[in-house]
C-alpha cells in the first residue's frame, strides 16, 4: 500500500551532492514522513532520486541571500551540509564559502521562518582532548585547533550558532559533530581532497604499502556515511535540540590501520613526519596541510551516548567497516553522478 505523502514534511538540504549530502538526501527521500526534499548544490547533478528536486545555489556569493530565503520558504527543516575543503593554500576562499556562506544560510532560515536548523559541525570543532575512551561529551570546549582552517571555521560557526540561538529561540537548532565519515562512493573525492589527484588508488591494496606510521596521537574515530545520514534524518524529523557526537567503534589506531592494509606498523616521530608533509604541501604536491595534520593528532575521542539516548540513533557498521568501504572505493575509483563524487582511480 502506497503511503500518502501530501501532508508530509518538506526538507531542504545544502551541500546535497557531496559525501554526506547524497546519503542524507536518499535517507530523507525514503522516509514516509517526508513529502519532498529540495536538494541544493553549486552544480546540478545527474542524479535522479524520487521525491527530490534539485536547485543550484552558490552560498559563497554575497548576492545569494535573497535566493536562499525564497528557496527555504515553507520548509519544515534545513539540513546544512555545504562545505568547501580546498584550496588549503588560500584560507580566505574557504572562509568566504564556509563561514560567510553559512552565516547567509542561518540568516535565511530566520527570515524565511524555517522552524528547524540541523547544522553539520564536526569533531574538528572540538579543542584538543583525551584520546582514550569513553571520550568527551558534547560539553567539551569547541575552540578547535586554531592553526588549521577547517577547525577554525567549524569552531567559529559554533560561536555564530550560539548567538543565533539567543536571537532566535523559536528555531530548533541541532549541531551534529561526527568523526571521520567514509563510504565507498565518496572515496575518490576524499583521496583527491586530502592525498591529491595523482595518488594511485590501487596503492592502498593490502600488502602494497611498506608500512603504516605509528604516530603519537594517531587515534581517531570513523563512521560510515550512511549511519551519519540516518542521524541527520532523525535530527531533521524529531523534536530534539543541541549537539550530538556521532562515532562508531572501535577507535582506529596504527595497529588497526596496519591490519586493514596488510602492512607492518613502524613507530615514527611526529616532527619529521610533519616536516615531510609540510615540504610536500608547500610544493603543492599534496593538498592536505600540515596544520590539519597537527589538528588530527590532537582531536579528542568522542562519547556518542547522547545520540543513542536522546536521538535514538545507533550505528549499524563499525569504524573498521567504514574504513574498509573507503579503501574499496579508493582502489576501484567508484563514484556517483555528482561533480564532487565523480569517480577516478588516478588523476
C-alpha atoms as a PDB file:
ATOM      1  CA  UNK A   1       0.000   0.000   0.000  1.00  0.00           C
ATOM      2  CA  UNK A   2       1.480   3.340  -1.051  1.00  0.00           C
ATOM      3  CA  UNK A   3       1.993   5.998   1.646  1.00  0.00           C
ATOM      4  CA  UNK A   4       0.226   9.353   1.218  1.00  0.00           C
ATOM      5  CA  UNK A   5       2.947  11.990   1.490  1.00  0.00           C
ATOM      6  CA  UNK A   6       0.755  15.008   0.721  1.00  0.00           C
ATOM      7  CA  UNK A   7       0.840  16.111   4.368  1.00  0.00           C
ATOM      8  CA  UNK A   8       4.472  15.185   4.977  1.00  0.00           C
ATOM      9  CA  UNK A   9       7.391  17.443   5.737  1.00  0.00           C
ATOM     10  CA  UNK A  10       9.412  19.495   3.283  1.00  0.00           C
ATOM     11  CA  UNK A  11      13.148  19.325   3.985  1.00  0.00           C
ATOM     12  CA  UNK A  12      15.877  21.406   2.341  1.00  0.00           C
ATOM     13  CA  UNK A  13      19.464  20.128   2.180  1.00  0.00           C
ATOM     14  CA  UNK A  14      22.501  22.248   1.272  1.00  0.00           C
ATOM     15  CA  UNK A  15      25.667  20.585   0.004  1.00  0.00           C
ATOM     16  CA  UNK A  16      23.463  17.814  -1.346  1.00  0.00           C
ATOM     17  CA  UNK A  17      25.955  16.411  -3.883  1.00  0.00           C
ATOM     18  CA  UNK A  18      28.829  15.568  -1.520  1.00  0.00           C
ATOM     19  CA  UNK A  19      29.793  12.597   0.618  1.00  0.00           C
ATOM     20  CA  UNK A  20      27.226  13.280   3.335  1.00  0.00           C
ATOM     21  CA  UNK A  21      24.688  15.144   1.202  1.00  0.00           C
ATOM     22  CA  UNK A  22      23.973  12.321  -1.234  1.00  0.00           C
ATOM     23  CA  UNK A  23      23.353   9.918   1.650  1.00  0.00           C
ATOM     24  CA  UNK A  24      21.206  12.372   3.616  1.00  0.00           C
ATOM     25  CA  UNK A  25      19.059  13.179   0.574  1.00  0.00           C
ATOM     26  CA  UNK A  26      18.423   9.471  -0.045  1.00  0.00           C
ATOM     27  CA  UNK A  27      17.636   8.799   3.625  1.00  0.00           C
ATOM     28  CA  UNK A  28      15.125  11.643   3.746  1.00  0.00           C
ATOM     29  CA  UNK A  29      13.534  10.794   0.400  1.00  0.00           C
ATOM     30  CA  UNK A  30      12.928   7.222   1.586  1.00  0.00           C
ATOM     31  CA  UNK A  31      11.168   8.355   4.774  1.00  0.00           C
ATOM     32  CA  UNK A  32       7.328   8.263   4.543  1.00  0.00           C
ATOM     33  CA  UNK A  33       7.141  11.315   6.856  1.00  0.00           C
ATOM     34  CA  UNK A  34       8.896  13.413   4.197  1.00  0.00           C
ATOM     35  CA  UNK A  35       6.762  14.798   1.375  1.00  0.00           C
ATOM     36  CA  UNK A  36       9.632  16.350  -0.577  1.00  0.00           C
ATOM     37  CA  UNK A  37      13.329  17.121  -0.450  1.00  0.00           C
ATOM     38  CA  UNK A  38      14.812  20.237  -2.009  1.00  0.00           C
ATOM     39  CA  UNK A  39      18.491  19.500  -2.656  1.00  0.00           C
ATOM     40  CA  UNK A  40      20.805  22.487  -3.150  1.00  0.00           C
ATOM     41  CA  UNK A  41      24.302  22.428  -4.660  1.00  0.00           C
ATOM     42  CA  UNK A  42      26.615  24.711  -6.628  1.00  0.00           C
ATOM     43  CA  UNK A  43      26.365  22.404  -9.644  1.00  0.00           C
ATOM     44  CA  UNK A  44      23.291  20.423 -10.667  1.00  0.00           C
ATOM     45  CA  UNK A  45      23.985  16.658 -10.671  1.00  0.00           C
ATOM     46  CA  UNK A  46      22.747  13.911 -12.973  1.00  0.00           C
ATOM     47  CA  UNK A  47      21.208  12.009 -10.065  1.00  0.00           C
ATOM     48  CA  UNK A  48      17.509  11.201 -10.351  1.00  0.00           C
ATOM     49  CA  UNK A  49      16.035  10.359  -6.932  1.00  0.00           C
ATOM     50  CA  UNK A  50      12.278  10.043  -6.465  1.00  0.00           C
ATOM     51  CA  UNK A  51      10.882  12.842  -4.312  1.00  0.00           C
ATOM     52  CA  UNK A  52      13.970  15.042  -4.706  1.00  0.00           C
ATOM     53  CA  UNK A  53      14.040  18.393  -6.510  1.00  0.00           C
ATOM     54  CA  UNK A  54      17.461  19.831  -7.412  1.00  0.00           C
ATOM     55  CA  UNK A  55      18.281  23.529  -7.427  1.00  0.00           C
ATOM     56  CA  UNK A  56      21.606  25.363  -7.763  1.00  0.00           C
ATOM     57  CA  UNK A  57      22.814  27.793  -5.100  1.00  0.00           C
ATOM     58  CA  UNK A  58      26.306  29.198  -4.556  1.00  0.00           C
ATOM     59  CA  UNK A  59      26.483  30.130  -0.880  1.00  0.00           C
ATOM     60  CA  UNK A  60      29.805  31.937  -1.320  1.00  0.00           C
ATOM     61  CA  UNK A  61      28.132  34.662  -3.399  1.00  0.00           C
ATOM     62  CA  UNK A  62      27.124  37.744  -1.441  1.00  0.00           C
ATOM     63  CA  UNK A  63      24.019  38.105  -3.622  1.00  0.00           C
ATOM     64  CA  UNK A  64      22.725  34.612  -2.748  1.00  0.00           C
ATOM     65  CA  UNK A  65      20.850  35.676   0.410  1.00  0.00           C
ATOM     66  CA  UNK A  66      17.536  36.590  -1.234  1.00  0.00           C
ATOM     67  CA  UNK A  67      17.549  33.447  -3.383  1.00  0.00           C
ATOM     68  CA  UNK A  68      18.207  31.301  -0.310  1.00  0.00           C
ATOM     69  CA  UNK A  69      15.363  32.935   1.579  1.00  0.00           C
ATOM     70  CA  UNK A  70      12.978  32.192  -1.273  1.00  0.00           C
ATOM     71  CA  UNK A  71      14.107  28.589  -1.587  1.00  0.00           C
ATOM     72  CA  UNK A  72      13.694  27.979   2.151  1.00  0.00           C
ATOM     73  CA  UNK A  73      10.238  29.497   2.488  1.00  0.00           C
ATOM     74  CA  UNK A  74       7.719  26.846   3.549  1.00  0.00           C
ATOM     75  CA  UNK A  75      10.335  24.292   4.599  1.00  0.00           C
ATOM     76  CA  UNK A  76       9.956  22.335   7.836  1.00  0.00           C
ATOM     77  CA  UNK A  77      13.689  21.907   8.346  1.00  0.00           C
ATOM     78  CA  UNK A  78      17.024  22.778   6.777  1.00  0.00           C
ATOM     79  CA  UNK A  79      19.972  20.382   6.877  1.00  0.00           C
ATOM     80  CA  UNK A  80      23.089  22.474   6.256  1.00  0.00           C
ATOM     81  CA  UNK A  81      25.956  20.341   4.913  1.00  0.00           C
ATOM     82  CA  UNK A  82      27.639  22.590   2.336  1.00  0.00           C
ATOM     83  CA  UNK A  83      31.395  22.802   2.892  1.00  0.00           C
ATOM     84  CA  UNK A  84      34.488  23.572   0.833  1.00  0.00           C
ATOM     85  CA  UNK A  85      37.792  21.887   1.776  1.00  0.00           C
ATOM     86  CA  UNK A  86      40.077  23.464  -0.811  1.00  0.00           C
ATOM     87  CA  UNK A  87      42.150  25.463  -1.627  1.00  0.00           C
ATOM     88  CA  UNK A  88      44.156  24.853   1.550  1.00  0.00           C
ATOM     89  CA  UNK A  89      46.729  27.409   0.395  1.00  0.00           C
ATOM     90  CA  UNK A  90      44.132  30.192   0.338  1.00  0.00           C
ATOM     91  CA  UNK A  91      42.026  30.100   3.538  1.00  0.00           C
ATOM     92  CA  UNK A  92      40.253  33.314   2.542  1.00  0.00           C
ATOM     93  CA  UNK A  93      38.446  31.381  -0.207  1.00  0.00           C
ATOM     94  CA  UNK A  94      37.232  28.659   2.160  1.00  0.00           C
ATOM     95  CA  UNK A  95      36.305  31.258   4.789  1.00  0.00           C
ATOM     96  CA  UNK A  96      34.083  33.098   2.320  1.00  0.00           C
ATOM     97  CA  UNK A  97      32.355  29.888   1.299  1.00  0.00           C
ATOM     98  CA  UNK A  98      32.173  28.009   4.599  1.00  0.00           C
ATOM     99  CA  UNK A  99      31.793  30.744   7.189  1.00  0.00           C
ATOM    100  CA  UNK A 100      30.189  33.646   5.344  1.00  0.00           C
ATOM    101  CA  UNK A 101      28.108  31.205   3.287  1.00  0.00           C
ATOM    102  CA  UNK A 102      26.863  29.519   6.470  1.00  0.00           C
ATOM    103  CA  UNK A 103      26.013  32.882   8.027  1.00  0.00           C
ATOM    104  CA  UNK A 104      23.877  33.616   4.941  1.00  0.00           C
ATOM    105  CA  UNK A 105      22.146  30.264   5.369  1.00  0.00           C
ATOM    106  CA  UNK A 106      21.419  30.882   9.060  1.00  0.00           C
ATOM    107  CA  UNK A 107      20.046  34.351   8.285  1.00  0.00           C
ATOM    108  CA  UNK A 108      17.866  32.887   5.517  1.00  0.00           C
ATOM    109  CA  UNK A 109      16.488  30.309   7.980  1.00  0.00           C
ATOM    110  CA  UNK A 110      15.392  33.108  10.309  1.00  0.00           C
ATOM    111  CA  UNK A 111      13.966  35.318   7.549  1.00  0.00           C
ATOM    112  CA  UNK A 112      12.000  32.516   5.891  1.00  0.00           C
ATOM    113  CA  UNK A 113      10.602  31.149   9.151  1.00  0.00           C
ATOM    114  CA  UNK A 114      12.099  27.646   8.941  1.00  0.00           C
ATOM    115  CA  UNK A 115      11.443  26.087  12.372  1.00  0.00           C
ATOM    116  CA  UNK A 116      14.431  23.711  12.464  1.00  0.00           C
ATOM    117  CA  UNK A 117      18.114  24.020  11.517  1.00  0.00           C
ATOM    118  CA  UNK A 118      20.388  20.969  11.510  1.00  0.00           C
ATOM    119  CA  UNK A 119      23.995  22.071  11.093  1.00  0.00           C
ATOM    120  CA  UNK A 120      26.980  19.903  10.156  1.00  0.00           C
ATOM    121  CA  UNK A 121      29.618  20.686  12.734  1.00  0.00           C
ATOM    122  CA  UNK A 122      32.449  18.219  13.324  1.00  0.00           C
ATOM    123  CA  UNK A 123      34.839  16.581  15.739  1.00  0.00           C
ATOM    124  CA  UNK A 124      37.169  19.204  14.258  1.00  0.00           C
ATOM    125  CA  UNK A 125      35.311  21.905  16.186  1.00  0.00           C
ATOM    126  CA  UNK A 126      36.492  20.449  19.490  1.00  0.00           C
ATOM    127  CA  UNK A 127      39.503  21.683  21.408  1.00  0.00           C
ATOM    128  CA  UNK A 128      42.334  19.162  21.880  1.00  0.00           C
ATOM    129  CA  UNK A 129      41.314  16.445  24.309  1.00  0.00           C
ATOM    130  CA  UNK A 130      41.816  12.887  25.546  1.00  0.00           C
ATOM    131  CA  UNK A 131      42.478  10.097  23.086  1.00  0.00           C
ATOM    132  CA  UNK A 132      41.112   7.347  25.304  1.00  0.00           C
ATOM    133  CA  UNK A 133      37.568   6.045  25.704  1.00  0.00           C
ATOM    134  CA  UNK A 134      34.915   6.797  26.885  1.00  0.00           C
ATOM    135  CA  UNK A 135      35.784  10.111  25.195  1.00  0.00           C
ATOM    136  CA  UNK A 136      34.441  13.621  25.577  1.00  0.00           C
ATOM    137  CA  UNK A 137      30.785  14.614  25.679  1.00  0.00           C
ATOM    138  CA  UNK A 138      29.091  17.469  23.879  1.00  0.00           C
ATOM    139  CA  UNK A 139      30.003  19.871  26.697  1.00  0.00           C
ATOM    140  CA  UNK A 140      33.717  19.713  25.758  1.00  0.00           C
ATOM    141  CA  UNK A 141      35.003  23.153  24.583  1.00  0.00           C
ATOM    142  CA  UNK A 142      34.605  23.843  20.860  1.00  0.00           C
ATOM    143  CA  UNK A 143      37.540  26.144  20.171  1.00  0.00           C
ATOM    144  CA  UNK A 144      39.081  23.890  17.529  1.00  0.00           C
ATOM    145  CA  UNK A 145      42.764  23.847  16.633  1.00  0.00           C
ATOM    146  CA  UNK A 146      43.314  27.487  15.560  1.00  0.00           C
ATOM    147  CA  UNK A 147      46.154  26.828  13.111  1.00  0.00           C
ATOM    148  CA  UNK A 148      44.001  24.597  10.889  1.00  0.00           C
ATOM    149  CA  UNK A 149      41.496  26.412   8.662  1.00  0.00           C
ATOM    150  CA  UNK A 150      38.967  23.557   8.791  1.00  0.00           C
ATOM    151  CA  UNK A 151      38.906  23.504  12.606  1.00  0.00           C
ATOM    152  CA  UNK A 152      38.997  27.292  12.868  1.00  0.00           C
ATOM    153  CA  UNK A 153      35.970  27.612  10.597  1.00  0.00           C
ATOM    154  CA  UNK A 154      33.972  24.853  12.321  1.00  0.00           C
ATOM    155  CA  UNK A 155      34.691  26.376  15.748  1.00  0.00           C
ATOM    156  CA  UNK A 156      33.781  29.886  14.596  1.00  0.00           C
ATOM    157  CA  UNK A 157      30.414  28.666  13.336  1.00  0.00           C
ATOM    158  CA  UNK A 158      29.740  27.158  16.762  1.00  0.00           C
ATOM    159  CA  UNK A 159      30.002  30.693  18.168  1.00  0.00           C
ATOM    160  CA  UNK A 160      27.790  32.041  15.375  1.00  0.00           C
ATOM    161  CA  UNK A 161      25.142  29.459  16.291  1.00  0.00           C
ATOM    162  CA  UNK A 162      25.434  30.383  19.986  1.00  0.00           C
ATOM    163  CA  UNK A 163      24.424  33.935  19.072  1.00  0.00           C
ATOM    164  CA  UNK A 164      21.801  32.716  16.576  1.00  0.00           C
ATOM    165  CA  UNK A 165      20.052  30.631  19.233  1.00  0.00           C
ATOM    166  CA  UNK A 166      19.901  33.612  21.594  1.00  0.00           C
ATOM    167  CA  UNK A 167      18.354  35.804  18.885  1.00  0.00           C
ATOM    168  CA  UNK A 168      16.021  33.117  17.516  1.00  0.00           C
ATOM    169  CA  UNK A 169      14.834  30.805  20.314  1.00  0.00           C
ATOM    170  CA  UNK A 170      11.890  29.835  18.084  1.00  0.00           C
ATOM    171  CA  UNK A 171      14.264  27.894  15.804  1.00  0.00           C
ATOM    172  CA  UNK A 172      15.159  24.368  16.883  1.00  0.00           C
ATOM    173  CA  UNK A 173      18.930  24.159  16.335  1.00  0.00           C
ATOM    174  CA  UNK A 174      20.813  20.853  16.157  1.00  0.00           C
ATOM    175  CA  UNK A 175      24.591  20.585  15.795  1.00  0.00           C
ATOM    176  CA  UNK A 176      25.946  17.286  14.505  1.00  0.00           C
ATOM    177  CA  UNK A 177      29.564  16.555  15.449  1.00  0.00           C
ATOM    178  CA  UNK A 178      30.637  13.360  13.677  1.00  0.00           C
ATOM    179  CA  UNK A 179      34.033  11.744  13.481  1.00  0.00           C
ATOM    180  CA  UNK A 180      35.592  10.927  10.083  1.00  0.00           C
ATOM    181  CA  UNK A 181      32.909   9.882   7.571  1.00  0.00           C
ATOM    182  CA  UNK A 182      33.575   7.275   4.894  1.00  0.00           C
ATOM    183  CA  UNK A 183      31.678   5.410   2.198  1.00  0.00           C
ATOM    184  CA  UNK A 184      32.768   3.610  -0.943  1.00  0.00           C
ATOM    185  CA  UNK A 185      31.370   6.065  -3.494  1.00  0.00           C
ATOM    186  CA  UNK A 186      32.997   9.080  -1.794  1.00  0.00           C
ATOM    187  CA  UNK A 187      36.486   7.604  -1.607  1.00  0.00           C
ATOM    188  CA  UNK A 188      37.725   9.041  -4.908  1.00  0.00           C
ATOM    189  CA  UNK A 189      36.690  12.534  -3.803  1.00  0.00           C
ATOM    190  CA  UNK A 190      38.352  12.156  -0.406  1.00  0.00           C
ATOM    191  CA  UNK A 191      41.553  10.900  -1.991  1.00  0.00           C
ATOM    192  CA  UNK A 192      41.638  13.980  -4.238  1.00  0.00           C
ATOM    193  CA  UNK A 193      40.900  16.343  -1.336  1.00  0.00           C
ATOM    194  CA  UNK A 194      43.473  15.004   1.087  1.00  0.00           C
ATOM    195  CA  UNK A 195      46.079  12.969  -0.817  1.00  0.00           C
ATOM    196  CA  UNK A 196      45.991  14.609  -4.223  1.00  0.00           C
ATOM    197  CA  UNK A 197      44.643  13.918  -7.669  1.00  0.00           C
ATOM    198  CA  UNK A 198      47.525  11.755  -8.846  1.00  0.00           C
ATOM    199  CA  UNK A 199      47.991   9.377  -5.929  1.00  0.00           C
ATOM    200  CA  UNK A 200      47.160   5.930  -7.378  1.00  0.00           C
ATOM    201  CA  UNK A 201      44.238   4.288  -5.620  1.00  0.00           C
ATOM    202  CA  UNK A 202      45.478   0.718  -6.111  1.00  0.00           C
ATOM    203  CA  UNK A 203      48.468   1.566  -3.888  1.00  0.00           C
ATOM    204  CA  UNK A 204      46.146   1.086  -0.903  1.00  0.00           C
ATOM    205  CA  UNK A 205      45.614  -2.586  -1.725  1.00  0.00           C
ATOM    206  CA  UNK A 206      46.633  -4.862   1.184  1.00  0.00           C
ATOM    207  CA  UNK A 207      50.281  -5.821   1.019  1.00  0.00           C
ATOM    208  CA  UNK A 208      51.453  -2.995  -1.262  1.00  0.00           C
ATOM    209  CA  UNK A 209      52.189  -0.334   1.360  1.00  0.00           C
ATOM    210  CA  UNK A 210      55.590  -0.900   3.000  1.00  0.00           C
ATOM    211  CA  UNK A 211      54.427   0.235   6.449  1.00  0.00           C
ATOM    212  CA  UNK A 212      51.907   2.298   8.431  1.00  0.00           C
ATOM    213  CA  UNK A 213      53.433   5.053  10.587  1.00  0.00           C
ATOM    214  CA  UNK A 214      52.638   4.824  14.284  1.00  0.00           C
ATOM    215  CA  UNK A 215      52.496   8.498  15.246  1.00  0.00           C
ATOM    216  CA  UNK A 216      51.951   9.911  18.707  1.00  0.00           C
ATOM    217  CA  UNK A 217      48.265  10.914  18.794  1.00  0.00           C
ATOM    218  CA  UNK A 218      47.171   8.817  15.797  1.00  0.00           C
ATOM    219  CA  UNK A 219      43.860   7.659  17.267  1.00  0.00           C
ATOM    220  CA  UNK A 220      40.601   8.652  15.598  1.00  0.00           C
ATOM    221  CA  UNK A 221      37.012   7.542  15.099  1.00  0.00           C
ATOM    222  CA  UNK A 222      35.392   6.643  11.810  1.00  0.00           C
ATOM    223  CA  UNK A 223      31.743   6.297  10.877  1.00  0.00           C
ATOM    224  CA  UNK A 224      30.030   5.056   7.745  1.00  0.00           C
ATOM    225  CA  UNK A 225      28.388   7.976   5.951  1.00  0.00           C
ATOM    226  CA  UNK A 226      25.135   6.029   5.706  1.00  0.00           C
ATOM    227  CA  UNK A 227      24.975   5.826   9.509  1.00  0.00           C
ATOM    228  CA  UNK A 228      25.653   9.554   9.791  1.00  0.00           C
ATOM    229  CA  UNK A 229      22.845  10.186   7.286  1.00  0.00           C
ATOM    230  CA  UNK A 230      20.452   8.248   9.495  1.00  0.00           C
ATOM    231  CA  UNK A 231      21.352  10.539  12.412  1.00  0.00           C
ATOM    232  CA  UNK A 232      20.695  13.604  10.249  1.00  0.00           C
ATOM    233  CA  UNK A 233      17.332  12.169   9.196  1.00  0.00           C
ATOM    234  CA  UNK A 234      16.326  11.660  12.810  1.00  0.00           C
ATOM    235  CA  UNK A 235      17.512  15.139  13.798  1.00  0.00           C
ATOM    236  CA  UNK A 236      15.503  16.759  10.995  1.00  0.00           C
ATOM    237  CA  UNK A 237      12.269  14.956  11.919  1.00  0.00           C
ATOM    238  CA  UNK A 238      12.366  14.603  15.713  1.00  0.00           C
ATOM    239  CA  UNK A 239      11.859  17.299  18.333  1.00  0.00           C
ATOM    240  CA  UNK A 240      15.453  17.395  19.579  1.00  0.00           C
ATOM    241  CA  UNK A 241      17.906  20.233  20.145  1.00  0.00           C
ATOM    242  CA  UNK A 242      21.562  20.716  20.921  1.00  0.00           C
ATOM    243  CA  UNK A 243      24.728  18.937  19.891  1.00  0.00           C
ATOM    244  CA  UNK A 244      25.211  15.260  19.108  1.00  0.00           C
ATOM    245  CA  UNK A 245      28.514  13.408  18.814  1.00  0.00           C
ATOM    246  CA  UNK A 246      28.454  10.683  16.158  1.00  0.00           C
ATOM    247  CA  UNK A 247      31.019   7.890  16.092  1.00  0.00           C
ATOM    248  CA  UNK A 248      31.296   4.130  15.771  1.00  0.00           C
ATOM    249  CA  UNK A 249      33.709   1.789  17.495  1.00  0.00           C
ATOM    250  CA  UNK A 250      36.403   0.739  17.773  1.00  0.00           C
ATOM    251  CA  UNK A 251      38.822   3.675  17.875  1.00  0.00           C
ATOM    252  CA  UNK A 252      41.220   3.433  14.920  1.00  0.00           C
ATOM    253  CA  UNK A 253      44.958   3.458  15.590  1.00  0.00           C
ATOM    254  CA  UNK A 254      48.085   2.487  13.648  1.00  0.00           C
ATOM    255  CA  UNK A 255      47.714  -1.171  14.584  1.00  0.00           C
ATOM    256  CA  UNK A 256      44.172  -1.366  13.192  1.00  0.00           C
ATOM    257  CA  UNK A 257      45.215   0.542  10.060  1.00  0.00           C
ATOM    258  CA  UNK A 258      48.075  -1.904   9.586  1.00  0.00           C
ATOM    259  CA  UNK A 259      45.655  -4.803   9.847  1.00  0.00           C
ATOM    260  CA  UNK A 260      43.302  -3.328   7.247  1.00  0.00           C
ATOM    261  CA  UNK A 261      46.163  -2.589   4.845  1.00  0.00           C
ATOM    262  CA  UNK A 262      48.209  -5.710   5.480  1.00  0.00           C
ATOM    263  CA  UNK A 263      51.186  -3.540   6.386  1.00  0.00           C
ATOM    264  CA  UNK A 264      53.602  -3.603   9.288  1.00  0.00           C
ATOM    265  CA  UNK A 265      53.438  -0.797  11.855  1.00  0.00           C
ATOM    266  CA  UNK A 266      56.547   1.326  12.359  1.00  0.00           C
ATOM    267  CA  UNK A 267      56.966   3.896  15.107  1.00  0.00           C
ATOM    268  CA  UNK A 268      57.661   7.301  13.510  1.00  0.00           C
ATOM    269  CA  UNK A 269      58.415  10.534  15.427  1.00  0.00           C
ATOM    270  CA  UNK A 270      55.845  13.251  14.818  1.00  0.00           C
ATOM    271  CA  UNK A 271      58.288  16.063  13.952  1.00  0.00           C
ATOM    272  CA  UNK A 272      59.985  14.502  10.895  1.00  0.00           C
ATOM    273  CA  UNK A 273      56.658  13.187   9.570  1.00  0.00           C
ATOM    274  CA  UNK A 274      55.227  16.688   9.797  1.00  0.00           C
ATOM    275  CA  UNK A 275      58.307  18.182   8.142  1.00  0.00           C
ATOM    276  CA  UNK A 276      57.908  15.879   5.137  1.00  0.00           C
ATOM    277  CA  UNK A 277      54.199  16.703   4.817  1.00  0.00           C
ATOM    278  CA  UNK A 278      54.903  20.438   5.153  1.00  0.00           C
ATOM    279  CA  UNK A 279      57.508  20.288   2.374  1.00  0.00           C
ATOM    280  CA  UNK A 280      55.111  18.417   0.071  1.00  0.00           C
ATOM    281  CA  UNK A 281      52.304  20.858   0.864  1.00  0.00           C
ATOM    282  CA  UNK A 282      54.467  23.931   0.210  1.00  0.00           C
ATOM    283  CA  UNK A 283      55.425  22.382  -3.126  1.00  0.00           C
ATOM    284  CA  UNK A 284      51.713  21.841  -3.910  1.00  0.00           C
ATOM    285  CA  UNK A 285      52.404  18.112  -4.184  1.00  0.00           C
ATOM    286  CA  UNK A 286      49.655  17.238  -1.684  1.00  0.00           C
ATOM    287  CA  UNK A 287      46.574  19.290  -0.752  1.00  0.00           C
ATOM    288  CA  UNK A 288      46.382  18.265   2.929  1.00  0.00           C
ATOM    289  CA  UNK A 289      48.127  20.886   5.033  1.00  0.00           C
ATOM    290  CA  UNK A 290      50.499  20.232   7.950  1.00  0.00           C
ATOM    291  CA  UNK A 291      48.117  22.323  10.059  1.00  0.00           C
ATOM    292  CA  UNK A 292      45.374  19.745   9.529  1.00  0.00           C
ATOM    293  CA  UNK A 293      47.919  17.027  10.395  1.00  0.00           C
ATOM    294  CA  UNK A 294      48.534  18.821  13.705  1.00  0.00           C
ATOM    295  CA  UNK A 295      44.807  19.009  14.378  1.00  0.00           C
ATOM    296  CA  UNK A 296      44.079  15.338  13.647  1.00  0.00           C
ATOM    297  CA  UNK A 297      46.712  14.219  16.150  1.00  0.00           C
ATOM    298  CA  UNK A 298      45.035  16.362  18.821  1.00  0.00           C
ATOM    299  CA  UNK A 299      41.349  15.622  18.187  1.00  0.00           C
ATOM    300  CA  UNK A 300      39.601  14.020  21.172  1.00  0.00           C
ATOM    301  CA  UNK A 301      37.812  10.694  21.133  1.00  0.00           C
ATOM    302  CA  UNK A 302      34.034  11.210  21.169  1.00  0.00           C
ATOM    303  CA  UNK A 303      31.414   9.796  23.506  1.00  0.00           C
ATOM    304  CA  UNK A 304      28.213   9.464  21.450  1.00  0.00           C
ATOM    305  CA  UNK A 305      25.911   8.279  24.233  1.00  0.00           C
ATOM    306  CA  UNK A 306      23.664  11.338  23.864  1.00  0.00           C
ATOM    307  CA  UNK A 307      22.911  10.461  20.233  1.00  0.00           C
ATOM    308  CA  UNK A 308      21.959   6.958  21.305  1.00  0.00           C
ATOM    309  CA  UNK A 309      19.819   8.008  24.279  1.00  0.00           C
ATOM    310  CA  UNK A 310      18.177  11.231  23.031  1.00  0.00           C
ATOM    311  CA  UNK A 311      18.178  10.862  19.242  1.00  0.00           C
ATOM    312  CA  UNK A 312      17.570   7.113  19.273  1.00  0.00           C
ATOM    313  CA  UNK A 313      20.486   6.591  16.879  1.00  0.00           C
ATOM    314  CA  UNK A 314      22.762   3.574  16.623  1.00  0.00           C
ATOM    315  CA  UNK A 315      25.483   2.960  14.010  1.00  0.00           C
ATOM    316  CA  UNK A 316      24.903  -0.203  12.008  1.00  0.00           C
ATOM    317  CA  UNK A 317      28.539  -0.604  10.928  1.00  0.00           C
ATOM    318  CA  UNK A 318      31.813  -0.498  12.815  1.00  0.00           C
ATOM    319  CA  UNK A 319      34.568   2.035  12.222  1.00  0.00           C
ATOM    320  CA  UNK A 320      36.622  -0.735  10.588  1.00  0.00           C
ATOM    321  CA  UNK A 321      33.764  -1.480   8.168  1.00  0.00           C
ATOM    322  CA  UNK A 322      33.554   2.226   7.307  1.00  0.00           C
ATOM    323  CA  UNK A 323      37.294   2.366   6.599  1.00  0.00           C
ATOM    324  CA  UNK A 324      37.114  -0.835   4.573  1.00  0.00           C
ATOM    325  CA  UNK A 325      34.402   0.745   2.402  1.00  0.00           C
ATOM    326  CA  UNK A 326      36.661   3.748   1.843  1.00  0.00           C
ATOM    327  CA  UNK A 327      39.596   1.523   0.850  1.00  0.00           C
ATOM    328  CA  UNK A 328      37.430  -0.423  -1.610  1.00  0.00           C
ATOM    329  CA  UNK A 329      36.328   2.842  -3.162  1.00  0.00           C
ATOM    330  CA  UNK A 330      39.858   4.183  -3.484  1.00  0.00           C
ATOM    331  CA  UNK A 331      41.027   1.017  -5.218  1.00  0.00           C
ATOM    332  CA  UNK A 332      38.071   0.790  -7.590  1.00  0.00           C
ATOM    333  CA  UNK A 333      37.677   4.514  -8.271  1.00  0.00           C
ATOM    334  CA  UNK A 334      33.903   4.286  -7.847  1.00  0.00           C
ATOM    335  CA  UNK A 335      31.896   7.469  -7.509  1.00  0.00           C
ATOM    336  CA  UNK A 336      28.489   8.998  -8.159  1.00  0.00           C
ATOM    337  CA  UNK A 337      26.969  11.234 -10.822  1.00  0.00           C
ATOM    338  CA  UNK A 338      27.769  14.465  -8.986  1.00  0.00           C
ATOM    339  CA  UNK A 339      30.657  16.859  -9.538  1.00  0.00           C
ATOM    340  CA  UNK A 340      32.242  16.274  -6.089  1.00  0.00           C
ATOM    341  CA  UNK A 341      31.900  12.471  -6.157  1.00  0.00           C
ATOM    342  CA  UNK A 342      32.974  11.798  -9.745  1.00  0.00           C
ATOM    343  CA  UNK A 343      34.905   8.532  -9.669  1.00  0.00           C
ATOM    344  CA  UNK A 344      38.501   8.122 -10.784  1.00  0.00           C
ATOM    345  CA  UNK A 345      41.261   5.684  -9.916  1.00  0.00           C
ATOM    346  CA  UNK A 346      44.083   8.125 -10.683  1.00  0.00           C
ATOM    347  CA  UNK A 347      44.391  11.711 -11.896  1.00  0.00           C
END
